[in-house]
């Protein structure tokens, strides 16, 4: 998939880096803690890494995640993924963000489990 010239700007507009990059960390590697009244959520790796990031995802799976808050395996990413904020993103913009993320260096960094208090740690 060719990378549209507006890819970096579209990703900036979505502010992916703010949640998915630790200060002074590798871009999109995840692991940024988000303290909530329910416990600590850790953002996932959205780099192009095929083992620990989204490198095996298709553009269609990425678009579905943006609109439903579900991972490619069907697991709910809620409460961490604020998909309600992204449901109006067009398929073209989603594909642009996806292409940009796939063009960035892969970062091998396993995702960290959330640390939520009971009963919030039960699905």
PDB file of N, CA and C in Angstrom:
ATOM      1  N   UNK A   1       0.855  -1.172   0.000  1.00  0.00           N
ATOM      2  CA  UNK A   1       0.000   0.000   0.000  1.00  0.00           C
ATOM      3  C   UNK A   1       0.902   1.235   0.000  1.00  0.00           C
ATOM      4  N   UNK A   2       0.774   2.101  -0.990  1.00  0.00           N
ATOM      5  CA  UNK A   2       1.585   3.317  -1.003  1.00  0.00           C
ATOM      6  C   UNK A   2       1.184   4.239   0.140  1.00  0.00           C
ATOM      7  N   UNK A   3       2.159   4.962   0.660  1.00  0.00           N
ATOM      8  CA  UNK A   3       1.900   5.861   1.779  1.00  0.00           C
ATOM      9  C   UNK A   3       1.506   7.225   1.241  1.00  0.00           C
ATOM     10  N   UNK A   4       0.274   7.656   1.525  1.00  0.00           N
ATOM     11  CA  UNK A   4      -0.153   8.975   1.065  1.00  0.00           C
ATOM     12  C   UNK A   4       0.721  10.060   1.678  1.00  0.00           C
ATOM     13  N   UNK A   5       0.900  11.141   0.954  1.00  0.00           N
ATOM     14  CA  UNK A   5       1.744  12.223   1.448  1.00  0.00           C
ATOM     15  C   UNK A   5       1.192  12.842   2.725  1.00  0.00           C
ATOM     16  N   UNK A   6      -0.101  12.690   2.961  1.00  0.00           N
ATOM     17  CA  UNK A   6      -0.716  13.272   4.154  1.00  0.00           C
ATOM     18  C   UNK A   6      -0.700  12.318   5.345  1.00  0.00           C
ATOM     19  N   UNK A   7      -0.045  11.161   5.215  1.00  0.00           N
ATOM     20  CA  UNK A   7      -0.104  10.132   6.261  1.00  0.00           C
ATOM     21  C   UNK A   7       0.389  10.625   7.609  1.00  0.00           C
ATOM     22  N   UNK A   8       1.542  11.266   7.650  1.00  0.00           N
ATOM     23  CA  UNK A   8       2.085  11.740   8.927  1.00  0.00           C
ATOM     24  C   UNK A   8       1.168  12.789   9.534  1.00  0.00           C
ATOM     25  N   UNK A   9       0.616  13.671   8.712  1.00  0.00           N
ATOM     26  CA  UNK A   9      -0.285  14.704   9.229  1.00  0.00           C
ATOM     27  C   UNK A   9      -1.570  14.102   9.777  1.00  0.00           C
ATOM     28  N   UNK A  10      -2.104  13.069   9.120  1.00  0.00           N
ATOM     29  CA  UNK A  10      -3.321  12.421   9.600  1.00  0.00           C
ATOM     30  C   UNK A  10      -3.053  11.744  10.935  1.00  0.00           C
ATOM     31  N   UNK A  11      -1.900  11.097  11.065  1.00  0.00           N
ATOM     32  CA  UNK A  11      -1.539  10.459  12.327  1.00  0.00           C
ATOM     33  C   UNK A  11      -1.371  11.506  13.422  1.00  0.00           C
ATOM     34  N   UNK A  12      -0.770  12.628  13.094  1.00  0.00           N
ATOM     35  CA  UNK A  12      -0.623  13.708  14.082  1.00  0.00           C
ATOM     36  C   UNK A  12      -1.993  14.213  14.523  1.00  0.00           C
ATOM     37  N   UNK A  13      -2.917  14.314  13.578  1.00  0.00           N
ATOM     38  CA  UNK A  13      -4.259  14.793  13.910  1.00  0.00           C
ATOM     39  C   UNK A  13      -4.936  13.833  14.884  1.00  0.00           C
ATOM     40  N   UNK A  14      -4.701  12.544  14.714  1.00  0.00           N
ATOM     41  CA  UNK A  14      -5.252  11.549  15.625  1.00  0.00           C
ATOM     42  C   UNK A  14      -4.494  11.485  16.941  1.00  0.00           C
ATOM     43  N   UNK A  15      -3.315  12.102  16.985  1.00  0.00           N
ATOM     44  CA  UNK A  15      -2.462  12.171  18.168  1.00  0.00           C
ATOM     45  C   UNK A  15      -2.108  10.790  18.720  1.00  0.00           C
ATOM     46  N   UNK A  16      -1.831   9.835  17.836  1.00  0.00           N
ATOM     47  CA  UNK A  16      -1.467   8.476  18.238  1.00  0.00           C
ATOM     48  C   UNK A  16      -0.244   8.466  19.154  1.00  0.00           C
ATOM     49  N   UNK A  17       0.712   9.318  18.855  1.00  0.00           N
ATOM     50  CA  UNK A  17       1.973   9.322  19.598  1.00  0.00           C
ATOM     51  C   UNK A  17       1.768   9.691  21.068  1.00  0.00           C
ATOM     52  N   UNK A  18       0.787  10.522  21.368  1.00  0.00           N
ATOM     53  CA  UNK A  18       0.581  10.980  22.745  1.00  0.00           C
ATOM     54  C   UNK A  18       0.306   9.825  23.697  1.00  0.00           C
ATOM     55  N   UNK A  19      -0.463   8.857  23.263  1.00  0.00           N
ATOM     56  CA  UNK A  19      -0.805   7.729  24.134  1.00  0.00           C
ATOM     57  C   UNK A  19       0.118   6.532  23.955  1.00  0.00           C
ATOM     58  N   UNK A  20       0.646   6.357  22.768  1.00  0.00           N
ATOM     59  CA  UNK A  20       1.374   5.126  22.460  1.00  0.00           C
ATOM     60  C   UNK A  20       2.889   5.261  22.486  1.00  0.00           C
ATOM     61  N   UNK A  21       3.399   6.359  23.057  1.00  0.00           N
ATOM     62  CA  UNK A  21       4.840   6.563  23.177  1.00  0.00           C
ATOM     63  C   UNK A  21       5.161   7.133  24.551  1.00  0.00           C
ATOM     64  N   UNK A  22       6.090   6.481  25.241  1.00  0.00           N
ATOM     65  CA  UNK A  22       6.573   7.005  26.518  1.00  0.00           C
ATOM     66  C   UNK A  22       7.478   8.194  26.252  1.00  0.00           C
ATOM     67  N   UNK A  23       7.510   9.172  27.148  1.00  0.00           N
ATOM     68  CA  UNK A  23       8.468  10.265  26.973  1.00  0.00           C
ATOM     69  C   UNK A  23       9.887   9.684  26.837  1.00  0.00           C
ATOM     70  N   UNK A  24      10.608  10.140  25.849  1.00  0.00           N
ATOM     71  CA  UNK A  24      11.966   9.666  25.548  1.00  0.00           C
ATOM     72  C   UNK A  24      11.997   8.180  25.173  1.00  0.00           C
ATOM     73  N   UNK A  25      10.849   7.605  24.831  1.00  0.00           N
ATOM     74  CA  UNK A  25      10.793   6.205  24.428  1.00  0.00           C
ATOM     75  C   UNK A  25      10.735   6.061  22.922  1.00  0.00           C
ATOM     76  N   UNK A  26      10.797   4.825  22.470  1.00  0.00           N
ATOM     77  CA  UNK A  26      10.705   4.562  21.039  1.00  0.00           C
ATOM     78  C   UNK A  26       9.273   4.790  20.576  1.00  0.00           C
ATOM     79  N   UNK A  27       9.147   5.409  19.439  1.00  0.00           N
ATOM     80  CA  UNK A  27       7.849   5.808  18.906  1.00  0.00           C
ATOM     81  C   UNK A  27       6.910   4.622  18.714  1.00  0.00           C
ATOM     82  N   UNK A  28       5.720   4.741  19.247  1.00  0.00           N
ATOM     83  CA  UNK A  28       4.597   3.801  19.119  1.00  0.00           C
ATOM     84  C   UNK A  28       4.813   2.458  19.819  1.00  0.00           C
ATOM     85  N   UNK A  29       5.805   2.348  20.716  1.00  0.00           N
ATOM     86  CA  UNK A  29       6.077   1.082  21.395  1.00  0.00           C
ATOM     87  C   UNK A  29       5.079   0.762  22.491  1.00  0.00           C
ATOM     88  N   UNK A  30       4.241   1.720  22.884  1.00  0.00           N
ATOM     89  CA  UNK A  30       3.262   1.488  23.934  1.00  0.00           C
ATOM     90  C   UNK A  30       3.881   1.505  25.318  1.00  0.00           C
ATOM     91  N   UNK A  31       3.115   1.015  26.284  1.00  0.00           N
ATOM     92  CA  UNK A  31       3.579   0.939  27.656  1.00  0.00           C
ATOM     93  C   UNK A  31       3.360   2.187  28.488  1.00  0.00           C
ATOM     94  N   UNK A  32       2.760   3.201  27.897  1.00  0.00           N
ATOM     95  CA  UNK A  32       2.524   4.435  28.652  1.00  0.00           C
ATOM     96  C   UNK A  32       1.430   4.184  29.687  1.00  0.00           C
ATOM     97  N   UNK A  33       1.729   4.440  30.973  1.00  0.00           N
ATOM     98  CA  UNK A  33       0.710   4.221  32.000  1.00  0.00           C
ATOM     99  C   UNK A  33      -0.326   5.330  31.999  1.00  0.00           C
ATOM    100  N   UNK A  34      -1.561   4.929  32.186  1.00  0.00           N
ATOM    101  CA  UNK A  34      -2.666   5.881  32.298  1.00  0.00           C
ATOM    102  C   UNK A  34      -3.400   5.554  33.583  1.00  0.00           C
ATOM    103  N   UNK A  35      -3.182   6.389  34.578  1.00  0.00           N
ATOM    104  CA  UNK A  35      -3.831   6.177  35.864  1.00  0.00           C
ATOM    105  C   UNK A  35      -5.295   6.576  35.777  1.00  0.00           C
ATOM    106  N   UNK A  36      -6.152   5.703  36.277  1.00  0.00           N
ATOM    107  CA  UNK A  36      -7.589   5.948  36.301  1.00  0.00           C
ATOM    108  C   UNK A  36      -8.093   5.618  37.704  1.00  0.00           C
ATOM    109  N   UNK A  37      -9.322   5.984  38.030  1.00  0.00           N
ATOM    110  CA  UNK A  37      -9.883   5.594  39.334  1.00  0.00           C
ATOM    111  C   UNK A  37     -10.017   4.067  39.477  1.00  0.00           C
ATOM    112  N   UNK A  38      -9.922   3.331  38.373  1.00  0.00           N
ATOM    113  CA  UNK A  38     -10.094   1.876  38.377  1.00  0.00           C
ATOM    114  C   UNK A  38      -8.775   1.126  38.468  1.00  0.00           C
ATOM    115  N   UNK A  39      -7.669   1.839  38.290  1.00  0.00           N
ATOM    116  CA  UNK A  39      -6.344   1.233  38.267  1.00  0.00           C
ATOM    117  C   UNK A  39      -5.539   1.834  37.128  1.00  0.00           C
ATOM    118  N   UNK A  40      -4.451   1.178  36.765  1.00  0.00           N
ATOM    119  CA  UNK A  40      -3.577   1.697  35.721  1.00  0.00           C
ATOM    120  C   UNK A  40      -3.742   0.906  34.435  1.00  0.00           C
ATOM    121  N   UNK A  41      -3.979   1.637  33.349  1.00  0.00           N
ATOM    122  CA  UNK A  41      -4.036   1.048  32.012  1.00  0.00           C
ATOM    123  C   UNK A  41      -2.695   1.316  31.344  1.00  0.00           C
ATOM    124  N   UNK A  42      -2.233   0.381  30.523  1.00  0.00           N
ATOM    125  CA  UNK A  42      -0.993   0.555  29.773  1.00  0.00           C
ATOM    126  C   UNK A  42      -1.311   0.482  28.288  1.00  0.00           C
ATOM    127  N   UNK A  43      -0.868   1.482  27.562  1.00  0.00           N
ATOM    128  CA  UNK A  43      -1.182   1.538  26.138  1.00  0.00           C
ATOM    129  C   UNK A  43      -0.419   0.461  25.379  1.00  0.00           C
ATOM    130  N   UNK A  44      -1.031  -0.046  24.296  1.00  0.00           N
ATOM    131  CA  UNK A  44      -0.392  -1.112  23.537  1.00  0.00           C
ATOM    132  C   UNK A  44       0.618  -0.596  22.510  1.00  0.00           C
ATOM    133  N   UNK A  45       1.454  -1.497  22.090  1.00  0.00           N
ATOM    134  CA  UNK A  45       2.420  -1.268  21.028  1.00  0.00           C
ATOM    135  C   UNK A  45       1.652  -1.202  19.703  1.00  0.00           C
ATOM    136  N   UNK A  46       1.736  -0.079  19.010  1.00  0.00           N
ATOM    137  CA  UNK A  46       1.099   0.028  17.698  1.00  0.00           C
ATOM    138  C   UNK A  46       2.151   0.242  16.615  1.00  0.00           C
ATOM    139  N   UNK A  47       3.385  -0.171  16.910  1.00  0.00           N
ATOM    140  CA  UNK A  47       4.424  -0.087  15.880  1.00  0.00           C
ATOM    141  C   UNK A  47       4.153  -1.166  14.833  1.00  0.00           C
ATOM    142  N   UNK A  48       4.944  -1.164  13.796  1.00  0.00           N
ATOM    143  CA  UNK A  48       4.765  -2.132  12.707  1.00  0.00           C
ATOM    144  C   UNK A  48       5.367  -3.498  13.021  1.00  0.00           C
ATOM    145  N   UNK A  49       5.798  -3.714  14.267  1.00  0.00           N
ATOM    146  CA  UNK A  49       6.365  -5.012  14.640  1.00  0.00           C
ATOM    147  C   UNK A  49       5.329  -6.117  14.457  1.00  0.00           C
ATOM    148  N   UNK A  50       5.731  -7.196  13.782  1.00  0.00           N
ATOM    149  CA  UNK A  50       4.789  -8.276  13.480  1.00  0.00           C
ATOM    150  C   UNK A  50       4.490  -9.170  14.675  1.00  0.00           C
ATOM    151  N   UNK A  51       5.345  -9.184  15.689  1.00  0.00           N
ATOM    152  CA  UNK A  51       5.121 -10.043  16.841  1.00  0.00           C
ATOM    153  C   UNK A  51       4.450  -9.329  18.014  1.00  0.00           C
ATOM    154  N   UNK A  52       4.818  -8.087  18.265  1.00  0.00           N
ATOM    155  CA  UNK A  52       4.294  -7.398  19.443  1.00  0.00           C
ATOM    156  C   UNK A  52       3.503  -6.139  19.115  1.00  0.00           C
ATOM    157  N   UNK A  53       3.506  -5.725  17.869  1.00  0.00           N
ATOM    158  CA  UNK A  53       2.777  -4.533  17.446  1.00  0.00           C
ATOM    159  C   UNK A  53       1.605  -4.915  16.566  1.00  0.00           C
ATOM    160  N   UNK A  54       1.305  -4.066  15.602  1.00  0.00           N
ATOM    161  CA  UNK A  54       0.166  -4.319  14.710  1.00  0.00           C
ATOM    162  C   UNK A  54       0.629  -4.694  13.298  1.00  0.00           C
ATOM    163  N   UNK A  55       1.853  -5.151  13.184  1.00  0.00           N
ATOM    164  CA  UNK A  55       2.420  -5.471  11.879  1.00  0.00           C
ATOM    165  C   UNK A  55       1.713  -6.570  11.104  1.00  0.00           C
ATOM    166  N   UNK A  56       0.966  -7.435  11.785  1.00  0.00           N
ATOM    167  CA  UNK A  56       0.212  -8.496  11.094  1.00  0.00           C
ATOM    168  C   UNK A  56      -1.220  -8.072  10.776  1.00  0.00           C
ATOM    169  N   UNK A  57      -1.610  -6.904  11.240  1.00  0.00           N
ATOM    170  CA  UNK A  57      -2.969  -6.436  11.006  1.00  0.00           C
ATOM    171  C   UNK A  57      -3.135  -6.009   9.550  1.00  0.00           C
ATOM    172  N   UNK A  58      -4.329  -6.171   9.042  1.00  0.00           N
ATOM    173  CA  UNK A  58      -4.662  -5.641   7.713  1.00  0.00           C
ATOM    174  C   UNK A  58      -5.274  -4.254   7.901  1.00  0.00           C
ATOM    175  N   UNK A  59      -5.366  -3.521   6.804  1.00  0.00           N
ATOM    176  CA  UNK A  59      -6.009  -2.203   6.860  1.00  0.00           C
ATOM    177  C   UNK A  59      -7.474  -2.344   7.279  1.00  0.00           C
ATOM    178  N   UNK A  60      -8.126  -3.417   6.835  1.00  0.00           N
ATOM    179  CA  UNK A  60      -9.528  -3.650   7.203  1.00  0.00           C
ATOM    180  C   UNK A  60      -9.667  -3.927   8.697  1.00  0.00           C
ATOM    181  N   UNK A  61      -8.746  -4.703   9.267  1.00  0.00           N
ATOM    182  CA  UNK A  61      -8.789  -4.983  10.703  1.00  0.00           C
ATOM    183  C   UNK A  61      -8.551  -3.701  11.510  1.00  0.00           C
ATOM    184  N   UNK A  62      -7.638  -2.865  11.036  1.00  0.00           N
ATOM    185  CA  UNK A  62      -7.360  -1.598  11.704  1.00  0.00           C
ATOM    186  C   UNK A  62      -8.607  -0.708  11.685  1.00  0.00           C
ATOM    187  N   UNK A  63      -9.256  -0.620  10.540  1.00  0.00           N
ATOM    188  CA  UNK A  63     -10.478   0.181  10.411  1.00  0.00           C
ATOM    189  C   UNK A  63     -11.572  -0.345  11.351  1.00  0.00           C
ATOM    190  N   UNK A  64     -11.727  -1.654  11.406  1.00  0.00           N
ATOM    191  CA  UNK A  64     -12.729  -2.251  12.296  1.00  0.00           C
ATOM    192  C   UNK A  64     -12.433  -1.900  13.745  1.00  0.00           C
ATOM    193  N   UNK A  65     -11.147  -1.969  14.133  1.00  0.00           N
ATOM    194  CA  UNK A  65     -10.765  -1.609  15.495  1.00  0.00           C
ATOM    195  C   UNK A  65     -11.111  -0.155  15.790  1.00  0.00           C
ATOM    196  N   UNK A  66     -10.845   0.726  14.842  1.00  0.00           N
ATOM    197  CA  UNK A  66     -11.133   2.146  15.040  1.00  0.00           C
ATOM    198  C   UNK A  66     -12.628   2.393  15.259  1.00  0.00           C
ATOM    199  N   UNK A  67     -13.460   1.567  14.654  1.00  0.00           N
ATOM    200  CA  UNK A  67     -14.905   1.783  14.726  1.00  0.00           C
ATOM    201  C   UNK A  67     -15.630   0.955  15.776  1.00  0.00           C
ATOM    202  N   UNK A  68     -15.019  -0.147  16.214  1.00  0.00           N
ATOM    203  CA  UNK A  68     -15.716  -1.023  17.164  1.00  0.00           C
ATOM    204  C   UNK A  68     -14.983  -1.185  18.489  1.00  0.00           C
ATOM    205  N   UNK A  69     -13.711  -0.790  18.547  1.00  0.00           N
ATOM    206  CA  UNK A  69     -12.944  -0.977  19.772  1.00  0.00           C
ATOM    207  C   UNK A  69     -12.576  -2.421  20.026  1.00  0.00           C
ATOM    208  N   UNK A  70     -12.554  -3.237  18.966  1.00  0.00           N
ATOM    209  CA  UNK A  70     -12.191  -4.650  19.095  1.00  0.00           C
ATOM    210  C   UNK A  70     -10.878  -4.924  18.370  1.00  0.00           C
ATOM    211  N   UNK A  71     -10.063  -5.745  19.025  1.00  0.00           N
ATOM    212  CA  UNK A  71      -8.800  -6.161  18.435  1.00  0.00           C
ATOM    213  C   UNK A  71      -9.065  -7.116  17.277  1.00  0.00           C
ATOM    214  N   UNK A  72      -8.038  -7.471  16.561  1.00  0.00           N
ATOM    215  CA  UNK A  72      -8.230  -8.360  15.407  1.00  0.00           C
ATOM    216  C   UNK A  72      -8.721  -9.732  15.821  1.00  0.00           C
ATOM    217  N   UNK A  73      -8.525 -10.120  17.098  1.00  0.00           N
ATOM    218  CA  UNK A  73      -9.035 -11.408  17.582  1.00  0.00           C
ATOM    219  C   UNK A  73     -10.436 -11.285  18.174  1.00  0.00           C
ATOM    220  N   UNK A  74     -11.009 -10.095  18.117  1.00  0.00           N
ATOM    221  CA  UNK A  74     -12.361  -9.866  18.609  1.00  0.00           C
ATOM    222  C   UNK A  74     -12.441  -9.386  20.045  1.00  0.00           C
ATOM    223  N   UNK A  75     -11.306  -9.344  20.744  1.00  0.00           N
ATOM    224  CA  UNK A  75     -11.310  -8.900  22.142  1.00  0.00           C
ATOM    225  C   UNK A  75     -11.611  -7.404  22.228  1.00  0.00           C
ATOM    226  N   UNK A  76     -12.418  -7.032  23.225  1.00  0.00           N
ATOM    227  CA  UNK A  76     -12.721  -5.618  23.445  1.00  0.00           C
ATOM    228  C   UNK A  76     -11.494  -4.905  23.993  1.00  0.00           C
ATOM    229  N   UNK A  77     -11.164  -3.766  23.413  1.00  0.00           N
ATOM    230  CA  UNK A  77     -10.041  -2.965  23.877  1.00  0.00           C
ATOM    231  C   UNK A  77     -10.491  -1.918  24.887  1.00  0.00           C
ATOM    232  N   UNK A  78     -11.788  -1.815  25.107  1.00  0.00           N
ATOM    233  CA  UNK A  78     -12.357  -0.917  26.097  1.00  0.00           C
ATOM    234  C   UNK A  78     -11.926  -1.378  27.482  1.00  0.00           C
ATOM    235  N   UNK A  79     -11.586  -0.529  28.433  1.00  0.00           N
ATOM    236  CA  UNK A  79     -11.788   0.899  28.450  1.00  0.00           C
ATOM    237  C   UNK A  79     -10.607   1.689  27.911  1.00  0.00           C
ATOM    238  N   UNK A  80      -9.560   1.015  27.496  1.00  0.00           N
ATOM    239  CA  UNK A  80      -8.354   1.739  27.079  1.00  0.00           C
ATOM    240  C   UNK A  80      -8.503   2.408  25.726  1.00  0.00           C
ATOM    241  N   UNK A  81      -9.131   1.765  24.784  1.00  0.00           N
ATOM    242  CA  UNK A  81      -9.272   2.322  23.436  1.00  0.00           C
ATOM    243  C   UNK A  81     -10.516   3.195  23.375  1.00  0.00           C
ATOM    244  N   UNK A  82     -10.342   4.500  23.237  1.00  0.00           N
ATOM    245  CA  UNK A  82     -11.506   5.398  23.189  1.00  0.00           C
ATOM    246  C   UNK A  82     -12.126   5.424  21.789  1.00  0.00           C
ATOM    247  N   UNK A  83     -12.571   4.254  21.329  1.00  0.00           N
ATOM    248  CA  UNK A  83     -13.032   4.133  19.946  1.00  0.00           C
ATOM    249  C   UNK A  83     -14.200   5.049  19.632  1.00  0.00           C
ATOM    250  N   UNK A  84     -14.966   5.416  20.631  1.00  0.00           N
ATOM    251  CA  UNK A  84     -16.094   6.323  20.368  1.00  0.00           C
ATOM    252  C   UNK A  84     -15.596   7.650  19.796  1.00  0.00           C
ATOM    253  N   UNK A  85     -14.350   7.998  20.082  1.00  0.00           N
ATOM    254  CA  UNK A  85     -13.767   9.224  19.538  1.00  0.00           C
ATOM    255  C   UNK A  85     -13.328   9.067  18.092  1.00  0.00           C
ATOM    256  N   UNK A  86     -13.294   7.830  17.613  1.00  0.00           N
ATOM    257  CA  UNK A  86     -12.777   7.572  16.260  1.00  0.00           C
ATOM    258  C   UNK A  86     -13.819   6.994  15.305  1.00  0.00           C
ATOM    259  N   UNK A  87     -15.049   6.820  15.743  1.00  0.00           N
ATOM    260  CA  UNK A  87     -16.047   6.169  14.901  1.00  0.00           C
ATOM    261  C   UNK A  87     -16.405   6.954  13.647  1.00  0.00           C
ATOM    262  N   UNK A  88     -16.127   8.233  13.623  1.00  0.00           N
ATOM    263  CA  UNK A  88     -16.447   9.024  12.431  1.00  0.00           C
ATOM    264  C   UNK A  88     -15.271   9.161  11.475  1.00  0.00           C
ATOM    265  N   UNK A  89     -14.158   8.515  11.800  1.00  0.00           N
ATOM    266  CA  UNK A  89     -13.011   8.538  10.886  1.00  0.00           C
ATOM    267  C   UNK A  89     -13.399   7.786   9.618  1.00  0.00           C
ATOM    268  N   UNK A  90     -13.113   8.384   8.499  1.00  0.00           N
ATOM    269  CA  UNK A  90     -13.457   7.749   7.227  1.00  0.00           C
ATOM    270  C   UNK A  90     -12.520   6.575   6.965  1.00  0.00           C
ATOM    271  N   UNK A  91     -12.938   5.710   6.075  1.00  0.00           N
ATOM    272  CA  UNK A  91     -12.079   4.584   5.702  1.00  0.00           C
ATOM    273  C   UNK A  91     -10.781   5.109   5.101  1.00  0.00           C
ATOM    274  N   UNK A  92     -10.858   6.154   4.303  1.00  0.00           N
ATOM    275  CA  UNK A  92      -9.653   6.719   3.684  1.00  0.00           C
ATOM    276  C   UNK A  92      -8.683   7.233   4.748  1.00  0.00           C
ATOM    277  N   UNK A  93      -9.183   7.937   5.752  1.00  0.00           N
ATOM    278  CA  UNK A  93      -8.306   8.432   6.817  1.00  0.00           C
ATOM    279  C   UNK A  93      -7.744   7.285   7.643  1.00  0.00           C
ATOM    280  N   UNK A  94      -8.564   6.279   7.931  1.00  0.00           N
ATOM    281  CA  UNK A  94      -8.081   5.108   8.664  1.00  0.00           C
ATOM    282  C   UNK A  94      -6.971   4.412   7.879  1.00  0.00           C
ATOM    283  N   UNK A  95      -7.167   4.250   6.583  1.00  0.00           N
ATOM    284  CA  UNK A  95      -6.143   3.617   5.740  1.00  0.00           C
ATOM    285  C   UNK A  95      -4.864   4.448   5.708  1.00  0.00           C
ATOM    286  N   UNK A  96      -5.016   5.767   5.769  1.00  0.00           N
ATOM    287  CA  UNK A  96      -3.851   6.648   5.777  1.00  0.00           C
ATOM    288  C   UNK A  96      -3.066   6.491   7.076  1.00  0.00           C
ATOM    289  N   UNK A  97      -3.763   6.458   8.204  1.00  0.00           N
ATOM    290  CA  UNK A  97      -3.098   6.256   9.492  1.00  0.00           C
ATOM    291  C   UNK A  97      -2.424   4.890   9.514  1.00  0.00           C
ATOM    292  N   UNK A  98      -3.132   3.873   9.060  1.00  0.00           N
ATOM    293  CA  UNK A  98      -2.578   2.514   9.001  1.00  0.00           C
ATOM    294  C   UNK A  98      -1.303   2.486   8.152  1.00  0.00           C
ATOM    295  N   UNK A  99      -1.342   3.090   6.978  1.00  0.00           N
ATOM    296  CA  UNK A  99      -0.165   3.114   6.101  1.00  0.00           C
ATOM    297  C   UNK A  99       1.002   3.816   6.783  1.00  0.00           C
ATOM    298  N   UNK A 100       0.721   4.909   7.477  1.00  0.00           N
ATOM    299  CA  UNK A 100       1.777   5.612   8.194  1.00  0.00           C
ATOM    300  C   UNK A 100       2.372   4.726   9.283  1.00  0.00           C
ATOM    301  N   UNK A 101       1.526   4.094  10.097  1.00  0.00           N
ATOM    302  CA  UNK A 101       2.033   3.231  11.160  1.00  0.00           C
ATOM    303  C   UNK A 101       2.860   2.075  10.596  1.00  0.00           C
ATOM    304  N   UNK A 102       2.437   1.531   9.473  1.00  0.00           N
ATOM    305  CA  UNK A 102       3.183   0.430   8.857  1.00  0.00           C
ATOM    306  C   UNK A 102       4.519   0.900   8.277  1.00  0.00           C
ATOM    307  N   UNK A 103       4.659   2.203   8.046  1.00  0.00           N
ATOM    308  CA  UNK A 103       5.908   2.742   7.481  1.00  0.00           C
ATOM    309  C   UNK A 103       6.938   3.080   8.561  1.00  0.00           C
ATOM    310  N   UNK A 104       6.522   3.046   9.818  1.00  0.00           N
ATOM    311  CA  UNK A 104       7.437   3.392  10.905  1.00  0.00           C
ATOM    312  C   UNK A 104       8.246   2.161  11.312  1.00  0.00           C
ATOM    313  N   UNK A 105       9.399   2.362  11.942  1.00  0.00           N
ATOM    314  CA  UNK A 105      10.233   1.227  12.336  1.00  0.00           C
ATOM    315  C   UNK A 105       9.509   0.312  13.327  1.00  0.00           C
ATOM    316  N   UNK A 106       9.633  -0.999  13.141  1.00  0.00           N
ATOM    317  CA  UNK A 106       9.037  -1.915  14.114  1.00  0.00           C
ATOM    318  C   UNK A 106       9.801  -1.843  15.434  1.00  0.00           C
ATOM    319  N   UNK A 107       9.069  -1.933  16.522  1.00  0.00           N
ATOM    320  CA  UNK A 107       9.679  -1.933  17.853  1.00  0.00           C
ATOM    321  C   UNK A 107       9.178  -3.192  18.563  1.00  0.00           C
ATOM    322  N   UNK A 108      10.100  -4.093  18.857  1.00  0.00           N
ATOM    323  CA  UNK A 108       9.712  -5.326  19.550  1.00  0.00           C
ATOM    324  C   UNK A 108       9.578  -5.028  21.041  1.00  0.00           C
ATOM    325  N   UNK A 109       8.343  -4.884  21.493  1.00  0.00           N
ATOM    326  CA  UNK A 109       8.062  -4.586  22.902  1.00  0.00           C
ATOM    327  C   UNK A 109       6.717  -5.209  23.245  1.00  0.00           C
ATOM    328  N   UNK A 110       6.714  -6.314  24.000  1.00  0.00           N
ATOM    329  CA  UNK A 110       5.433  -6.914  24.390  1.00  0.00           C
ATOM    330  C   UNK A 110       4.568  -5.925  25.163  1.00  0.00           C
ATOM    331  N   UNK A 111       3.270  -6.069  25.011  1.00  0.00           N
ATOM    332  CA  UNK A 111       2.336  -5.207  25.730  1.00  0.00           C
ATOM    333  C   UNK A 111       2.318  -5.571  27.205  1.00  0.00           C
ATOM    334  N   UNK A 112       2.096  -4.583  28.025  1.00  0.00           N
ATOM    335  CA  UNK A 112       2.033  -4.780  29.471  1.00  0.00           C
ATOM    336  C   UNK A 112       0.570  -4.924  29.884  1.00  0.00           C
ATOM    337  N   UNK A 113       0.307  -5.868  30.770  1.00  0.00           N
ATOM    338  CA  UNK A 113      -1.063  -6.083  31.252  1.00  0.00           C
ATOM    339  C   UNK A 113      -1.520  -4.895  32.092  1.00  0.00           C
ATOM    340  N   UNK A 114      -2.805  -4.587  32.000  1.00  0.00           N
ATOM    341  CA  UNK A 114      -3.374  -3.528  32.836  1.00  0.00           C
ATOM    342  C   UNK A 114      -3.340  -3.961  34.300  1.00  0.00           C
ATOM    343  N   UNK A 115      -3.287  -3.001  35.192  1.00  0.00           N
ATOM    344  CA  UNK A 115      -3.326  -3.261  36.630  1.00  0.00           C
ATOM    345  C   UNK A 115      -4.596  -2.623  37.182  1.00  0.00           C
ATOM    346  N   UNK A 116      -5.691  -3.348  37.059  1.00  0.00           N
ATOM    347  CA  UNK A 116      -6.991  -2.840  37.490  1.00  0.00           C
ATOM    348  C   UNK A 116      -7.422  -3.492  38.793  1.00  0.00           C
ATOM    349  N   UNK A 117      -8.072  -2.712  39.653  1.00  0.00           N
ATOM    350  CA  UNK A 117      -8.584  -3.222  40.920  1.00  0.00           C
ATOM    351  C   UNK A 117      -9.849  -4.048  40.679  1.00  0.00           C
ATOM    352  N   UNK A 118     -10.114  -4.939  41.623  1.00  0.00           N
ATOM    353  CA  UNK A 118     -11.362  -5.690  41.609  1.00  0.00           C
ATOM    354  C   UNK A 118     -12.517  -4.714  41.831  1.00  0.00           C
ATOM    355  N   UNK A 119     -13.600  -4.795  41.187  1.00  0.00           N
ATOM    356  CA  UNK A 119     -14.032  -5.815  40.241  1.00  0.00           C
ATOM    357  C   UNK A 119     -13.702  -5.474  38.781  1.00  0.00           C
ATOM    358  N   UNK A 120     -12.961  -4.370  38.577  1.00  0.00           N
ATOM    359  CA  UNK A 120     -12.696  -3.887  37.225  1.00  0.00           C
ATOM    360  C   UNK A 120     -11.729  -4.789  36.459  1.00  0.00           C
ATOM    361  N   UNK A 121     -11.039  -5.659  37.175  1.00  0.00           N
ATOM    362  CA  UNK A 121     -10.112  -6.573  36.522  1.00  0.00           C
ATOM    363  C   UNK A 121     -10.810  -7.835  36.018  1.00  0.00           C
ATOM    364  N   UNK A 122     -12.126  -7.900  36.173  1.00  0.00           N
ATOM    365  CA  UNK A 122     -12.923  -9.032  35.686  1.00  0.00           C
ATOM    366  C   UNK A 122     -13.729  -8.595  34.476  1.00  0.00           C
ATOM    367  N   UNK A 123     -13.710  -9.405  33.449  1.00  0.00           N
ATOM    368  CA  UNK A 123     -14.478  -9.075  32.231  1.00  0.00           C
ATOM    369  C   UNK A 123     -15.816  -9.750  32.282  1.00  0.00           C
TER     370      UNK A 123
END
